[in-house]
Amino acid sequence: MDILSRLIELARLQPTLDIRCRLQGAFHIDHEPAATGTLPFHLILGGDCLIRLGSGRQITLRSGDFLLLPRGDAHTIVGLRPRGEVQPLRIAKGGMLPLRENGEGEADVDLLCGHFDCAPGSSALLLDSLPDVFHVSLAEETEELLKTLVAMLYRETAEEKPGALAIITATCLSLFIMAVRAGKVSPVASGGLLQLLGDARLGKSIVAMMSSPAFDWTIDDLARRSAMSRATYARQFRERAGMTVGAFLTDIRMMLASDQLLRTRRTVADIAAEVGYESEAAFGKAFKARRGMTPSRFRAAEQARQNGQR
């Protein structure tokens, strides 16, 4: 399995569509900060609107734009074409999705609002590689497949044929992955794993670390994998990742360990050995430094959270 696919699998991103909005004129819809592990997203099917973040930053979204907030930041959706009196918002149920409207006739913006749920811990490296606002304009892509997917989303949403919701939900995840794969994460705005994978030489060392996390990797070993001198490798790695090789290897080990803690009933000692720690105590210390709790408490807390949702 390629590394990006493995990251998506580890993150266990689960898309959910919450509501469709067809709005016109003046409107102002507040979104509170999302819970940990919840990533809000908006996909513009037609028209335009403004997203205003709590920091004051404003982003204009147009037809075909996709916006994801990896940190779950509070934000407000604002109309760009205020006219006449403000019409009250109303929500109609009974269709494929709840529909929020505020008037009659043609809408100024038609958007899908949803969220991704992700696994705590094992999604960290992927999400930390994304900027606070992950915004891409899919409609302007030269790749015909992306254009086709956006057009299909619009058609499926408008026609509401049997199975449409399942198609739309799966396509939202596909669009996100394709946007990341197409290199839409700016190296100025972000760093980390995705930037390293985009580097032909450094990426080889990342594949090696993820494939064999228990190996006692040295900078010399990884530099040879990347066909670089030790000094050049260490410098370029830090420039791309924003951290040292050692810190990054620890993050990979913690990501894989988190996945094992949540998905299996294996002992902490077994998991520690699999990701490269000779003792359970050393692993526990490193895990607590990254996750803020011991491996056992991390596992118990997630099990309690899942039980509370049932």
Protein backbone atom coordinates (compact mmCIF):
# COMPACT_ATOMS: atom_id res chain seq x y z
CA MET A 1 0.00 0.00 0.00
CA ASP A 2 1.32 3.48 -0.86
CA ILE A 3 2.03 5.88 2.01
CA LEU A 4 -0.82 8.33 1.37
CA SER A 5 -3.33 5.48 1.27
CA ARG A 6 -1.84 4.14 4.48
CA LEU A 7 -2.19 7.56 6.12
CA ILE A 8 -5.85 7.77 5.12
CA GLU A 9 -6.42 4.27 6.45
CA LEU A 10 -4.73 5.11 9.77
CA ALA A 11 -6.64 8.39 10.12
CA ARG A 12 -9.91 6.51 9.49
CA LEU A 13 -11.51 9.58 7.97
CA GLN A 14 -15.27 9.14 7.94
CA PRO A 15 -17.20 11.79 5.98
CA THR A 16 -20.71 12.82 7.02
CA LEU A 17 -22.93 15.28 5.19
CA ASP A 18 -24.88 17.44 7.63
CA ILE A 19 -26.95 19.86 5.58
CA ARG A 20 -27.40 21.49 2.19
CA CYS A 21 -27.75 25.27 2.11
CA ARG A 22 -29.43 27.28 -0.65
CA LEU A 23 -29.15 30.88 0.45
CA GLN A 24 -29.61 34.34 -0.98
CA GLY A 25 -29.14 37.97 -0.02
CA ALA A 26 -27.92 38.72 3.49
CA PHE A 27 -27.24 35.79 5.82
CA HIS A 28 -24.94 35.03 8.68
CA ILE A 29 -24.54 31.45 9.95
CA ASP A 30 -22.26 30.78 12.93
CA HIS A 31 -20.42 27.51 13.46
CA GLU A 32 -18.99 26.83 16.92
CA PRO A 33 -15.56 25.15 17.33
CA ALA A 34 -15.84 21.48 16.46
CA ALA A 35 -15.12 18.71 18.94
CA THR A 36 -11.69 17.09 18.91
CA GLY A 37 -11.46 14.66 16.02
CA THR A 38 -14.14 16.45 13.98
CA LEU A 39 -13.11 18.36 10.86
CA PRO A 40 -15.81 20.62 9.32
CA PHE A 41 -15.88 21.04 5.55
CA HIS A 42 -17.88 23.00 2.96
CA LEU A 43 -18.22 22.26 -0.75
CA ILE A 44 -19.69 24.95 -3.02
CA LEU A 45 -21.95 23.51 -5.68
CA GLY A 46 -22.82 26.89 -7.17
CA GLY A 47 -22.62 30.62 -6.49
CA ASP A 48 -20.37 32.15 -3.84
CA CYS A 49 -20.15 33.10 -0.18
CA LEU A 50 -17.66 34.22 2.45
CA ILE A 51 -16.13 32.21 5.29
CA ARG A 52 -15.05 34.37 8.24
CA LEU A 53 -12.78 32.78 10.84
CA GLY A 54 -12.51 33.74 14.48
CA SER A 55 -9.03 35.14 13.75
CA GLY A 56 -10.62 37.69 11.40
CA ARG A 57 -9.35 35.99 8.25
CA GLN A 58 -11.87 35.93 5.40
CA ILE A 59 -11.98 33.47 2.51
CA THR A 60 -14.21 33.84 -0.53
CA LEU A 61 -15.60 30.54 -1.76
CA ARG A 62 -16.85 30.12 -5.30
CA SER A 63 -18.46 27.33 -7.30
CA GLY A 64 -16.33 24.18 -7.10
CA ASP A 65 -14.38 25.26 -4.00
CA PHE A 66 -13.69 22.85 -1.17
CA LEU A 67 -12.76 24.08 2.31
CA LEU A 68 -11.70 21.93 5.25
CA LEU A 69 -10.82 23.15 8.75
CA PRO A 70 -8.40 20.52 10.14
CA ARG A 71 -8.33 22.12 13.62
CA GLY A 72 -12.12 22.47 13.79
CA ASP A 73 -11.97 26.28 14.08
CA ALA A 74 -15.10 28.34 14.72
CA HIS A 75 -16.27 30.12 11.59
CA THR A 76 -19.17 32.02 10.05
CA ILE A 77 -20.76 31.69 6.60
CA VAL A 78 -21.67 35.13 5.28
CA GLY A 79 -23.58 36.23 2.16
CA LEU A 80 -21.68 38.26 -0.42
CA ARG A 81 -24.75 39.83 -2.03
CA PRO A 82 -26.85 41.51 0.70
CA ARG A 83 -30.00 43.11 -0.64
CA GLY A 84 -33.38 43.97 0.80
CA GLU A 85 -34.45 42.80 4.22
CA VAL A 86 -32.77 39.90 5.95
CA GLN A 87 -34.93 36.81 5.48
CA PRO A 88 -35.25 34.29 8.33
CA LEU A 89 -33.50 30.97 7.92
CA ARG A 90 -35.66 27.88 7.73
CA ILE A 91 -34.75 24.22 7.61
CA ALA A 92 -36.83 21.68 5.73
CA LYS A 93 -36.46 17.94 6.33
CA GLY A 94 -37.68 14.97 4.42
CA GLY A 95 -35.30 14.95 1.48
CA MET A 96 -31.87 13.37 1.12
CA LEU A 97 -30.43 16.00 3.47
CA PRO A 98 -31.89 18.75 5.64
CA LEU A 99 -32.20 21.86 3.49
CA ARG A 100 -31.54 25.34 4.87
CA GLU A 101 -33.05 28.23 2.88
CA ASN A 102 -33.89 31.86 3.49
CA GLY A 103 -35.96 32.97 0.53
CA GLU A 104 -37.62 32.02 -2.72
CA GLY A 105 -36.23 31.75 -6.21
CA GLU A 106 -32.62 31.40 -7.35
CA ALA A 107 -30.00 31.06 -4.60
CA ASP A 108 -26.79 33.09 -4.44
CA VAL A 109 -24.96 30.08 -3.05
CA ASP A 110 -25.63 26.36 -3.01
CA LEU A 111 -23.34 24.48 -0.65
CA LEU A 112 -22.92 21.18 1.12
CA CYS A 113 -21.84 21.33 4.76
CA GLY A 114 -20.39 18.29 6.47
CA HIS A 115 -17.56 16.97 8.57
CA PHE A 116 -14.95 14.24 8.76
CA ASP A 117 -14.52 12.21 11.91
CA CYS A 118 -11.01 10.87 12.44
CA ALA A 119 -9.17 8.55 14.79
CA PRO A 120 -7.36 10.35 17.61
CA GLY A 121 -3.62 9.91 17.63
CA SER A 122 -3.23 7.94 14.42
CA SER A 123 -4.47 10.88 12.32
CA ALA A 124 -1.98 13.37 13.81
CA LEU A 125 0.75 13.23 11.17
CA LEU A 126 -1.69 13.65 8.29
CA LEU A 127 -3.65 16.49 9.87
CA ASP A 128 -0.57 18.29 11.16
CA SER A 129 0.66 18.45 7.56
CA LEU A 130 -2.39 20.47 6.54
CA PRO A 131 -2.71 24.23 7.01
CA ASP A 132 -5.31 25.63 9.42
CA VAL A 133 -7.50 26.29 6.38
CA PHE A 134 -7.28 23.69 3.60
CA HIS A 135 -8.90 25.49 0.64
CA VAL A 136 -8.81 24.25 -2.95
CA SER A 137 -10.62 25.33 -6.11
CA LEU A 138 -11.56 22.05 -7.71
CA ALA A 139 -13.58 23.55 -10.54
CA GLU A 140 -10.48 25.27 -11.90
CA GLU A 141 -8.42 22.08 -11.97
CA THR A 142 -6.90 21.02 -15.26
CA GLU A 143 -7.53 17.39 -14.30
CA GLU A 144 -10.73 16.40 -16.04
CA LEU A 145 -11.50 13.78 -13.40
CA LEU A 146 -11.76 16.42 -10.67
CA LYS A 147 -14.08 18.52 -12.80
CA THR A 148 -16.18 15.46 -13.51
CA LEU A 149 -16.46 14.61 -9.81
CA VAL A 150 -17.60 18.13 -8.91
CA ALA A 151 -20.19 18.05 -11.71
CA MET A 152 -21.38 14.63 -10.53
CA LEU A 153 -21.81 15.94 -6.98
CA TYR A 154 -24.02 18.74 -8.23
CA ARG A 155 -26.13 16.38 -10.31
CA GLU A 156 -26.53 13.79 -7.54
CA THR A 157 -27.50 16.49 -5.04
CA ALA A 158 -30.02 18.09 -7.37
CA GLU A 159 -31.68 14.86 -8.57
CA GLU A 160 -31.68 12.95 -5.23
CA LYS A 161 -31.91 9.56 -6.89
CA PRO A 162 -31.68 6.35 -4.80
CA GLY A 163 -28.17 5.94 -3.40
CA ALA A 164 -27.29 9.59 -4.02
CA LEU A 165 -26.29 10.29 -0.41
CA ALA A 166 -23.86 7.34 -0.34
CA ILE A 167 -22.32 8.50 -3.63
CA ILE A 168 -21.95 12.10 -2.47
CA THR A 169 -20.45 11.13 0.88
CA ALA A 170 -17.84 8.83 -0.67
CA THR A 171 -17.02 11.40 -3.34
CA CYS A 172 -16.29 14.07 -0.72
CA LEU A 173 -13.55 11.84 0.70
CA SER A 174 -12.23 11.12 -2.79
CA LEU A 175 -12.07 14.83 -3.60
CA PHE A 176 -10.12 15.53 -0.43
CA ILE A 177 -7.59 12.77 -1.16
CA MET A 178 -7.18 13.84 -4.78
CA ALA A 179 -6.65 17.47 -3.77
CA VAL A 180 -3.90 16.41 -1.35
CA ARG A 181 -2.35 14.08 -3.93
CA ALA A 182 -2.33 16.82 -6.55
CA GLY A 183 0.00 18.82 -4.32
CA LYS A 184 -2.50 21.40 -3.18
CA VAL A 185 -0.87 21.81 0.25
CA SER A 186 1.33 24.90 0.09
CA PRO A 187 4.86 24.37 1.45
CA VAL A 188 4.67 27.91 2.84
CA ALA A 189 1.48 27.24 4.77
CA SER A 190 2.32 23.78 6.04
CA GLY A 191 5.02 21.26 6.70
CA GLY A 192 5.35 17.69 7.78
CA LEU A 193 4.69 14.34 6.22
CA LEU A 194 2.93 15.46 3.04
CA GLN A 195 5.75 17.85 2.17
CA LEU A 196 8.30 15.10 2.69
CA LEU A 197 6.38 12.64 0.53
CA GLY A 198 6.34 15.25 -2.23
CA ASP A 199 10.16 15.24 -2.28
CA ALA A 200 11.43 12.45 -4.53
CA ARG A 201 14.50 11.73 -2.42
CA LEU A 202 13.34 12.48 1.12
CA GLY A 203 10.18 10.51 0.48
CA LYS A 204 12.22 7.30 0.24
CA SER A 205 13.35 7.65 3.84
CA ILE A 206 9.74 8.21 5.00
CA VAL A 207 8.65 5.00 3.28
CA ALA A 208 11.51 3.20 5.03
CA MET A 209 10.57 4.52 8.48
CA MET A 210 6.89 3.73 8.10
CA SER A 211 7.58 0.28 6.68
CA SER A 212 10.01 -0.68 9.48
CA PRO A 213 9.28 1.52 12.52
CA ALA A 214 11.03 -0.86 14.93
CA PHE A 215 14.36 -0.65 13.11
CA ASP A 216 17.06 1.32 14.91
CA TRP A 217 17.28 3.99 12.23
CA THR A 218 20.20 6.42 12.18
CA ILE A 219 20.52 9.59 10.16
CA ASP A 220 23.27 7.91 8.16
CA ASP A 221 20.92 5.02 7.25
CA LEU A 222 18.17 7.38 6.13
CA ALA A 223 20.55 9.67 4.27
CA ARG A 224 21.78 6.71 2.24
CA ARG A 225 18.18 5.80 1.41
CA SER A 226 17.74 9.33 0.08
CA ALA A 227 21.10 9.38 -1.77
CA MET A 228 22.29 12.39 0.24
CA SER A 229 25.12 13.22 2.58
CA ARG A 230 24.30 13.09 6.28
CA ALA A 231 24.45 16.88 6.70
CA THR A 232 22.41 17.63 3.57
CA TYR A 233 19.76 15.09 4.51
CA ALA A 234 19.37 16.39 8.07
CA ARG A 235 19.17 20.01 6.88
CA GLN A 236 16.68 19.41 4.07
CA PHE A 237 14.59 17.14 6.26
CA ARG A 238 14.25 19.79 8.92
CA GLU A 239 13.41 22.45 6.32
CA ARG A 240 10.59 20.32 4.87
CA ALA A 241 9.26 18.78 8.06
CA GLY A 242 9.79 21.61 10.54
CA MET A 243 11.34 19.13 13.00
CA THR A 244 14.35 16.85 13.40
CA VAL A 245 14.56 13.36 11.95
CA GLY A 246 14.44 11.87 15.44
CA ALA A 247 11.31 13.77 16.43
CA PHE A 248 9.63 12.78 13.17
CA LEU A 249 10.48 9.09 13.66
CA THR A 250 8.97 9.28 17.14
CA ASP A 251 5.79 10.79 15.67
CA ILE A 252 5.54 7.94 13.16
CA ARG A 253 5.95 5.40 15.95
CA MET A 254 3.31 7.12 18.08
CA MET A 255 0.89 7.26 15.14
CA LEU A 256 1.25 3.53 14.48
CA ALA A 257 1.05 2.74 18.20
CA SER A 258 -2.13 4.80 18.59
CA ASP A 259 -3.73 2.84 15.78
CA GLN A 260 -2.81 -0.46 17.44
CA LEU A 261 -4.10 0.69 20.83
CA LEU A 262 -7.47 1.61 19.34
CA ARG A 263 -7.94 -1.24 16.88
CA THR A 264 -6.57 -4.22 18.78
CA ARG A 265 -6.45 -5.77 22.24
CA ARG A 266 -2.72 -6.35 22.10
CA THR A 267 -0.77 -5.56 25.25
CA VAL A 268 1.06 -2.27 25.59
CA ALA A 269 4.33 -4.20 25.81
CA ASP A 270 3.69 -5.94 22.46
CA ILE A 271 2.81 -2.65 20.76
CA ALA A 272 5.89 -0.99 22.25
CA ALA A 273 8.14 -3.67 20.77
CA GLU A 274 6.46 -3.46 17.37
CA VAL A 275 7.16 0.25 17.03
CA GLY A 276 10.75 0.12 18.21
CA TYR A 277 10.90 0.39 22.01
CA GLU A 278 12.88 -2.12 24.05
CA SER A 279 10.89 -1.47 27.22
CA GLU A 280 7.28 -0.68 28.01
CA ALA A 281 8.46 2.09 30.35
CA ALA A 282 10.40 3.91 27.62
CA PHE A 283 7.45 3.62 25.27
CA GLY A 284 5.03 4.88 27.92
CA LYS A 285 7.20 7.92 28.60
CA ALA A 286 7.46 8.79 24.90
CA PHE A 287 3.74 8.21 24.34
CA LYS A 288 2.72 10.41 27.26
CA ALA A 289 5.00 13.20 26.01
CA ARG A 290 3.16 13.15 22.65
CA ARG A 291 -0.42 12.34 23.70
CA GLY A 292 -0.59 13.80 27.21
CA MET A 293 -1.58 10.47 28.80
CA THR A 294 -0.31 6.94 29.18
CA PRO A 295 -1.07 4.33 26.49
CA SER A 296 -3.52 2.54 28.79
CA ARG A 297 -5.42 5.73 29.59
CA PHE A 298 -5.46 6.68 25.90
CA ARG A 299 -7.05 3.35 25.03
CA ALA A 300 -9.55 3.54 27.90
CA ALA A 301 -10.53 7.14 27.10
CA GLU A 302 -11.30 6.31 23.48
CA GLN A 303 -13.29 3.22 24.44
CA ALA A 304 -15.31 5.32 26.89
CA ARG A 305 -15.93 7.94 24.21
CA GLN A 306 -17.15 5.34 21.72
CA ASN A 307 -19.41 3.73 24.30
CA GLY A 308 -20.90 7.12 25.11
CA GLN A 309 -21.82 7.64 21.45
CA ARG A 310 -23.81 4.40 21.26
